[in-house]
Amino acid sequence: MWTGYWPMPWTFGPMIMLLFAIACIAMMFFMMHGHSARSHDDGRPMEILKERYARGEITQAEFEERRRLLGA
């Protein structure tokens, strides 16, 4: 007859909960760390400025002014 008893150590449930909590914290850490690492691209604004100048979207005076503002 089925009694609903499953012979399992009492530590199994708390271990699973602890592993789940650690996995959630690790996932949040890696997601936040990955986002901040991608958002700090120092060379990209100057590259965009050079590309716009090469395509003729901005004049040489605009290029020089914006380059000065970028600090390059």
C-alpha atoms as a PDB file:
ATOM      1  CA  MET A   1       0.000   0.000   0.000  1.00  0.00           C
ATOM      2  CA  TRP A   2       1.257   3.479  -0.848  1.00  0.00           C
ATOM      3  CA  THR A   3       1.986   5.565   2.233  1.00  0.00           C
ATOM      4  CA  GLY A   4       3.544   8.605   0.587  1.00  0.00           C
ATOM      5  CA  TYR A   5       6.844   7.942   2.293  1.00  0.00           C
ATOM      6  CA  TRP A   6       9.944   8.577   0.230  1.00  0.00           C
ATOM      7  CA  PRO A   7      13.164   7.588   1.968  1.00  0.00           C
ATOM      8  CA  MET A   8      15.355  10.620   1.403  1.00  0.00           C
ATOM      9  CA  PRO A   9      17.932  12.270   3.659  1.00  0.00           C
ATOM     10  CA  TRP A  10      16.677  15.426   5.380  1.00  0.00           C
ATOM     11  CA  THR A  11      19.635  17.395   3.935  1.00  0.00           C
ATOM     12  CA  PHE A  12      18.530  16.951   0.309  1.00  0.00           C
ATOM     13  CA  GLY A  13      15.874  19.702   0.364  1.00  0.00           C
ATOM     14  CA  PRO A  14      18.024  22.392   2.004  1.00  0.00           C
ATOM     15  CA  MET A  15      20.949  21.533  -0.299  1.00  0.00           C
ATOM     16  CA  ILE A  16      18.796  22.034  -3.390  1.00  0.00           C
ATOM     17  CA  MET A  17      17.505  25.356  -2.036  1.00  0.00           C
ATOM     18  CA  LEU A  18      21.054  26.501  -1.282  1.00  0.00           C
ATOM     19  CA  LEU A  19      22.288  25.521  -4.749  1.00  0.00           C
ATOM     20  CA  PHE A  20      19.358  27.348  -6.330  1.00  0.00           C
ATOM     21  CA  ALA A  21      20.098  30.513  -4.327  1.00  0.00           C
ATOM     22  CA  ILE A  22      23.797  30.372  -5.272  1.00  0.00           C
ATOM     23  CA  ALA A  23      22.887  29.890  -8.946  1.00  0.00           C
ATOM     24  CA  CYS A  24      20.537  32.903  -8.847  1.00  0.00           C
ATOM     25  CA  ILE A  25      23.134  35.123  -7.196  1.00  0.00           C
ATOM     26  CA  ALA A  26      25.829  34.015  -9.648  1.00  0.00           C
ATOM     27  CA  MET A  27      23.537  34.647 -12.610  1.00  0.00           C
ATOM     28  CA  MET A  28      22.718  38.163 -11.371  1.00  0.00           C
ATOM     29  CA  PHE A  29      26.416  38.903 -10.800  1.00  0.00           C
ATOM     30  CA  PHE A  30      27.468  37.748 -14.269  1.00  0.00           C
ATOM     31  CA  MET A  31      24.599  39.584 -15.964  1.00  0.00           C
ATOM     32  CA  MET A  32      25.410  42.860 -14.214  1.00  0.00           C
ATOM     33  CA  HIS A  33      29.159  42.461 -14.691  1.00  0.00           C
ATOM     34  CA  GLY A  34      28.794  41.642 -18.383  1.00  0.00           C
ATOM     35  CA  HIS A  35      26.597  44.667 -18.983  1.00  0.00           C
ATOM     36  CA  SER A  36      29.013  47.091 -17.348  1.00  0.00           C
ATOM     37  CA  ALA A  37      31.987  45.661 -19.224  1.00  0.00           C
ATOM     38  CA  ARG A  38      30.294  46.160 -22.586  1.00  0.00           C
ATOM     39  CA  SER A  39      29.163  49.702 -21.842  1.00  0.00           C
ATOM     40  CA  HIS A  40      32.722  51.063 -21.368  1.00  0.00           C
ATOM     41  CA  ASP A  41      34.057  51.121 -24.909  1.00  0.00           C
ATOM     42  CA  ASP A  42      36.484  54.072 -24.901  1.00  0.00           C
ATOM     43  CA  GLY A  43      37.604  53.958 -28.530  1.00  0.00           C
ATOM     44  CA  ARG A  44      34.225  53.637 -30.208  1.00  0.00           C
ATOM     45  CA  PRO A  45      33.130  57.345 -30.230  1.00  0.00           C
ATOM     46  CA  MET A  46      36.311  58.384 -32.046  1.00  0.00           C
ATOM     47  CA  GLU A  47      35.867  55.562 -34.564  1.00  0.00           C
ATOM     48  CA  ILE A  48      32.315  56.708 -35.278  1.00  0.00           C
ATOM     49  CA  LEU A  49      33.517  60.291 -35.705  1.00  0.00           C
ATOM     50  CA  LYS A  50      36.190  59.189 -38.184  1.00  0.00           C
ATOM     51  CA  GLU A  51      33.668  57.104 -40.123  1.00  0.00           C
ATOM     52  CA  ARG A  52      31.228  60.022 -40.353  1.00  0.00           C
ATOM     53  CA  TYR A  53      34.019  62.303 -41.598  1.00  0.00           C
ATOM     54  CA  ALA A  54      35.129  59.718 -44.158  1.00  0.00           C
ATOM     55  CA  ARG A  55      31.561  59.390 -45.489  1.00  0.00           C
ATOM     56  CA  GLY A  56      31.300  63.164 -45.792  1.00  0.00           C
ATOM     57  CA  GLU A  57      28.526  63.530 -43.226  1.00  0.00           C
ATOM     58  CA  ILE A  58      30.460  66.216 -41.335  1.00  0.00           C
ATOM     59  CA  THR A  59      32.937  68.887 -42.449  1.00  0.00           C
ATOM     60  CA  GLN A  60      36.561  69.124 -41.414  1.00  0.00           C
ATOM     61  CA  ALA A  61      35.745  71.964 -38.998  1.00  0.00           C
ATOM     62  CA  GLU A  62      33.016  69.856 -37.357  1.00  0.00           C
ATOM     63  CA  PHE A  63      35.385  66.899 -37.193  1.00  0.00           C
ATOM     64  CA  GLU A  64      38.115  68.957 -35.510  1.00  0.00           C
ATOM     65  CA  GLU A  65      35.670  70.492 -33.008  1.00  0.00           C
ATOM     66  CA  ARG A  66      34.149  67.158 -32.040  1.00  0.00           C
ATOM     67  CA  ARG A  67      37.574  65.520 -31.824  1.00  0.00           C
ATOM     68  CA  ARG A  68      38.646  68.290 -29.453  1.00  0.00           C
ATOM     69  CA  LEU A  69      35.504  67.754 -27.357  1.00  0.00           C
ATOM     70  CA  LEU A  70      36.218  64.016 -27.147  1.00  0.00           C
ATOM     71  CA  GLY A  71      39.694  64.797 -25.870  1.00  0.00           C
ATOM     72  CA  ALA A  72      41.534  62.846 -28.537  1.00  0.00           C
END
